[in-house]
Amino acid sequence: MAHVQRFDHVGITVADLDSATAFFVALGLEVEGAGSVEGEFVETVCGIPCAHCQIAMLRPPDGGTRLELATFRTPDHVPGSPTAMANELGLRNVSFQVGDLQAAVDAVAADGYGLIGGIGEYDHSVRMAYARGPEGIIVSLFEQIG
């Protein structure tokens, strides 16, 4: 019996919710909603007493899988590694298909975010690059070619 019915969202905890939200909106995601979550529900689900977090739910233009950004007001967030590489355990990257890879790379660079490596091409079908987004988030941008 299959338990999963659909892929709903990926959640990322950040220290600066406004900055992270602005980064992903500039890439083309749309804010679906924002709010505050606290109380018994979030404490039970997260297993963190006195948890209170602000969230922003973002969706791609095609209405696909959403991205949830959250920042904890209480307790204080615990910093992760802002220079994590793709081979470190944990969330590897968040990936988005773009229409023009070079334009997307130029846009994130204009906002001060650089590439981790370079632009690679696989089997004359895909061009891809990893950008280091806000708070060290690895953002994979790819373009279908050929």
C-alpha atoms as a PDB file:
ATOM      1  CA  MET A   1       0.000   0.000   0.000  1.00  0.00           C
ATOM      2  CA  ALA A   2       1.395   3.396  -0.990  1.00  0.00           C
ATOM      3  CA  HIS A   3       1.149   5.973   1.763  1.00  0.00           C
ATOM      4  CA  VAL A   4       2.293   9.071  -0.146  1.00  0.00           C
ATOM      5  CA  GLN A   5      -0.375  10.766  -2.245  1.00  0.00           C
ATOM      6  CA  ARG A   6       1.634  13.789  -3.464  1.00  0.00           C
ATOM      7  CA  PHE A   7       4.804  15.779  -2.773  1.00  0.00           C
ATOM      8  CA  ASP A   8       3.577  18.855  -0.893  1.00  0.00           C
ATOM      9  CA  HIS A   9       6.570  21.027   0.065  1.00  0.00           C
ATOM     10  CA  VAL A  10      10.188  21.297   1.168  1.00  0.00           C
ATOM     11  CA  GLY A  11      10.878  23.264   4.348  1.00  0.00           C
ATOM     12  CA  ILE A  12      14.009  25.279   5.057  1.00  0.00           C
ATOM     13  CA  THR A  13      14.766  27.047   8.347  1.00  0.00           C
ATOM     14  CA  VAL A  14      16.460  30.436   7.925  1.00  0.00           C
ATOM     15  CA  ALA A  15      17.549  33.253  10.246  1.00  0.00           C
ATOM     16  CA  ASP A  16      16.382  36.114   7.974  1.00  0.00           C
ATOM     17  CA  LEU A  17      12.969  35.224   6.584  1.00  0.00           C
ATOM     18  CA  ASP A  18      12.527  38.474   4.638  1.00  0.00           C
ATOM     19  CA  SER A  19      15.860  38.148   2.842  1.00  0.00           C
ATOM     20  CA  ALA A  20      15.351  34.486   1.983  1.00  0.00           C
ATOM     21  CA  THR A  21      11.811  35.152   0.754  1.00  0.00           C
ATOM     22  CA  ALA A  22      13.006  38.042  -1.432  1.00  0.00           C
ATOM     23  CA  PHE A  23      15.696  35.808  -2.997  1.00  0.00           C
ATOM     24  CA  PHE A  24      13.224  33.118  -4.046  1.00  0.00           C
ATOM     25  CA  VAL A  25      10.605  35.661  -5.198  1.00  0.00           C
ATOM     26  CA  ALA A  26      13.282  37.257  -7.408  1.00  0.00           C
ATOM     27  CA  LEU A  27      13.822  33.821  -8.987  1.00  0.00           C
ATOM     28  CA  GLY A  28      10.118  33.657  -9.847  1.00  0.00           C
ATOM     29  CA  LEU A  29       8.380  31.929  -6.942  1.00  0.00           C
ATOM     30  CA  GLU A  30       5.196  33.519  -5.650  1.00  0.00           C
ATOM     31  CA  VAL A  31       4.237  34.045  -2.013  1.00  0.00           C
ATOM     32  CA  GLU A  32       1.228  31.844  -1.358  1.00  0.00           C
ATOM     33  CA  GLY A  33       0.892  32.848   2.264  1.00  0.00           C
ATOM     34  CA  ALA A  34       2.744  33.891   5.394  1.00  0.00           C
ATOM     35  CA  GLY A  35       2.042  33.713   9.071  1.00  0.00           C
ATOM     36  CA  SER A  36       2.995  32.735  12.562  1.00  0.00           C
ATOM     37  CA  VAL A  37       2.740  29.289  14.126  1.00  0.00           C
ATOM     38  CA  GLU A  38       2.966  28.630  17.866  1.00  0.00           C
ATOM     39  CA  GLY A  39       1.345  26.613  20.576  1.00  0.00           C
ATOM     40  CA  GLU A  40       0.625  22.953  21.195  1.00  0.00           C
ATOM     41  CA  PHE A  41       0.480  21.929  17.522  1.00  0.00           C
ATOM     42  CA  VAL A  42       3.921  23.177  16.504  1.00  0.00           C
ATOM     43  CA  GLU A  43       5.466  22.135  19.828  1.00  0.00           C
ATOM     44  CA  THR A  44       4.148  18.605  19.320  1.00  0.00           C
ATOM     45  CA  VAL A  45       5.136  18.306  15.654  1.00  0.00           C
ATOM     46  CA  CYS A  46       8.626  19.826  16.039  1.00  0.00           C
ATOM     47  CA  GLY A  47       9.273  18.364  19.490  1.00  0.00           C
ATOM     48  CA  ILE A  48      10.458  21.793  20.649  1.00  0.00           C
ATOM     49  CA  PRO A  49       8.856  23.288  23.787  1.00  0.00           C
ATOM     50  CA  CYS A  50       7.737  26.925  23.451  1.00  0.00           C
ATOM     51  CA  ALA A  51       8.295  26.847  19.667  1.00  0.00           C
ATOM     52  CA  HIS A  52       7.120  29.928  17.796  1.00  0.00           C
ATOM     53  CA  CYS A  53       8.001  30.424  14.148  1.00  0.00           C
ATOM     54  CA  GLN A  54       7.174  32.727  11.269  1.00  0.00           C
ATOM     55  CA  ILE A  55       6.693  31.051   7.911  1.00  0.00           C
ATOM     56  CA  ALA A  56       6.371  32.019   4.271  1.00  0.00           C
ATOM     57  CA  MET A  57       4.954  29.480   1.818  1.00  0.00           C
ATOM     58  CA  LEU A  58       6.128  29.973  -1.760  1.00  0.00           C
ATOM     59  CA  ARG A  59       4.915  28.260  -4.914  1.00  0.00           C
ATOM     60  CA  PRO A  60       6.254  28.034  -8.448  1.00  0.00           C
ATOM     61  CA  PRO A  61       4.236  29.605 -11.272  1.00  0.00           C
ATOM     62  CA  ASP A  62       3.080  26.144 -12.423  1.00  0.00           C
ATOM     63  CA  GLY A  63       1.543  25.442  -9.021  1.00  0.00           C
ATOM     64  CA  GLY A  64       3.904  22.506  -8.309  1.00  0.00           C
ATOM     65  CA  THR A  65       5.691  21.557  -5.115  1.00  0.00           C
ATOM     66  CA  ARG A  66       5.945  24.444  -2.676  1.00  0.00           C
ATOM     67  CA  LEU A  67       8.844  25.828  -0.649  1.00  0.00           C
ATOM     68  CA  GLU A  68       8.274  26.662   3.013  1.00  0.00           C
ATOM     69  CA  LEU A  69      10.702  29.102   4.615  1.00  0.00           C
ATOM     70  CA  ALA A  70      10.590  29.351   8.401  1.00  0.00           C
ATOM     71  CA  THR A  71      12.403  31.283  11.097  1.00  0.00           C
ATOM     72  CA  PHE A  72      12.119  30.508  14.791  1.00  0.00           C
ATOM     73  CA  ARG A  73      11.288  33.380  17.137  1.00  0.00           C
ATOM     74  CA  THR A  74      11.558  31.010  20.120  1.00  0.00           C
ATOM     75  CA  PRO A  75      13.684  29.224  20.896  1.00  0.00           C
ATOM     76  CA  ASP A  76      16.625  30.850  19.119  1.00  0.00           C
ATOM     77  CA  HIS A  77      17.626  29.141  15.895  1.00  0.00           C
ATOM     78  CA  VAL A  78      20.734  26.987  15.853  1.00  0.00           C
ATOM     79  CA  PRO A  79      23.162  27.926  13.069  1.00  0.00           C
ATOM     80  CA  GLY A  80      23.993  25.356  10.411  1.00  0.00           C
ATOM     81  CA  SER A  81      27.028  25.302   8.165  1.00  0.00           C
ATOM     82  CA  PRO A  82      26.757  28.260   5.733  1.00  0.00           C
ATOM     83  CA  THR A  83      29.442  26.698   3.533  1.00  0.00           C
ATOM     84  CA  ALA A  84      27.981  23.182   3.300  1.00  0.00           C
ATOM     85  CA  MET A  85      28.862  21.361   0.101  1.00  0.00           C
ATOM     86  CA  ALA A  86      26.742  18.893  -1.864  1.00  0.00           C
ATOM     87  CA  ASN A  87      28.469  15.870  -0.303  1.00  0.00           C
ATOM     88  CA  GLU A  88      27.583  16.836   3.299  1.00  0.00           C
ATOM     89  CA  LEU A  89      24.785  14.906   4.952  1.00  0.00           C
ATOM     90  CA  GLY A  90      21.409  16.605   5.097  1.00  0.00           C
ATOM     91  CA  LEU A  91      19.447  18.679   2.612  1.00  0.00           C
ATOM     92  CA  ARG A  92      21.569  18.731  -0.544  1.00  0.00           C
ATOM     93  CA  ASN A  93      19.908  21.442  -2.629  1.00  0.00           C
ATOM     94  CA  VAL A  94      16.660  22.985  -3.776  1.00  0.00           C
ATOM     95  CA  SER A  95      16.343  22.723  -7.550  1.00  0.00           C
ATOM     96  CA  PHE A  96      14.400  24.840 -10.024  1.00  0.00           C
ATOM     97  CA  GLN A  97      14.003  24.569 -13.767  1.00  0.00           C
ATOM     98  CA  VAL A  98      14.506  27.945 -15.449  1.00  0.00           C
ATOM     99  CA  GLY A  99      13.884  29.127 -18.999  1.00  0.00           C
ATOM    100  CA  ASP A 100      17.260  30.840 -19.433  1.00  0.00           C
ATOM    101  CA  LEU A 101      20.029  29.592 -17.155  1.00  0.00           C
ATOM    102  CA  GLN A 102      22.463  32.410 -17.899  1.00  0.00           C
ATOM    103  CA  ALA A 103      19.818  35.047 -17.167  1.00  0.00           C
ATOM    104  CA  ALA A 104      18.950  33.340 -13.859  1.00  0.00           C
ATOM    105  CA  VAL A 105      22.635  33.093 -12.887  1.00  0.00           C
ATOM    106  CA  ASP A 106      23.135  36.751 -13.785  1.00  0.00           C
ATOM    107  CA  ALA A 107      20.092  37.726 -11.702  1.00  0.00           C
ATOM    108  CA  VAL A 108      21.271  35.949  -8.552  1.00  0.00           C
ATOM    109  CA  ALA A 109      24.785  37.349  -9.105  1.00  0.00           C
ATOM    110  CA  ALA A 110      23.341  40.870  -9.327  1.00  0.00           C
ATOM    111  CA  ASP A 111      21.860  40.270  -5.864  1.00  0.00           C
ATOM    112  CA  GLY A 112      25.278  39.219  -4.535  1.00  0.00           C
ATOM    113  CA  TYR A 113      24.919  35.440  -4.742  1.00  0.00           C
ATOM    114  CA  GLY A 114      27.586  33.519  -6.626  1.00  0.00           C
ATOM    115  CA  LEU A 115      28.028  30.125  -8.173  1.00  0.00           C
ATOM    116  CA  ILE A 116      29.603  27.331  -6.166  1.00  0.00           C
ATOM    117  CA  GLY A 117      31.310  25.954  -9.271  1.00  0.00           C
ATOM    118  CA  GLY A 118      30.403  26.698 -12.867  1.00  0.00           C
ATOM    119  CA  ILE A 119      27.732  25.964 -15.445  1.00  0.00           C
ATOM    120  CA  GLY A 120      27.820  22.334 -16.509  1.00  0.00           C
ATOM    121  CA  GLU A 121      26.161  20.561 -19.406  1.00  0.00           C
ATOM    122  CA  TYR A 122      25.000  16.947 -19.279  1.00  0.00           C
ATOM    123  CA  ASP A 123      24.533  14.814 -22.384  1.00  0.00           C
ATOM    124  CA  HIS A 124      23.413  17.758 -24.576  1.00  0.00           C
ATOM    125  CA  SER A 125      20.121  17.791 -22.633  1.00  0.00           C
ATOM    126  CA  VAL A 126      20.546  19.861 -19.468  1.00  0.00           C
ATOM    127  CA  ARG A 127      22.638  22.836 -18.365  1.00  0.00           C
ATOM    128  CA  MET A 128      22.924  23.281 -14.591  1.00  0.00           C
ATOM    129  CA  ALA A 129      24.626  25.426 -11.977  1.00  0.00           C
ATOM    130  CA  TYR A 130      24.648  25.517  -8.183  1.00  0.00           C
ATOM    131  CA  ALA A 131      24.293  28.974  -6.650  1.00  0.00           C
ATOM    132  CA  ARG A 132      24.944  29.716  -2.994  1.00  0.00           C
ATOM    133  CA  GLY A 133      21.762  31.488  -1.888  1.00  0.00           C
ATOM    134  CA  PRO A 134      20.884  33.231   1.362  1.00  0.00           C
ATOM    135  CA  GLU A 135      22.240  31.615   4.517  1.00  0.00           C
ATOM    136  CA  GLY A 136      24.261  29.140   2.466  1.00  0.00           C
ATOM    137  CA  ILE A 137      21.295  27.389   0.824  1.00  0.00           C
ATOM    138  CA  ILE A 138      22.465  25.527  -2.291  1.00  0.00           C
ATOM    139  CA  VAL A 139      20.075  26.421  -5.116  1.00  0.00           C
ATOM    140  CA  SER A 140      20.297  24.262  -8.234  1.00  0.00           C
ATOM    141  CA  LEU A 141      19.190  26.068 -11.379  1.00  0.00           C
ATOM    142  CA  PHE A 142      18.768  24.016 -14.551  1.00  0.00           C
ATOM    143  CA  GLU A 143      17.694  24.563 -18.133  1.00  0.00           C
ATOM    144  CA  GLN A 144      16.508  21.919 -20.588  1.00  0.00           C
ATOM    145  CA  ILE A 145      18.397  22.151 -23.893  1.00  0.00           C
ATOM    146  CA  GLY A 146      18.572  20.218 -27.145  1.00  0.00           C
END
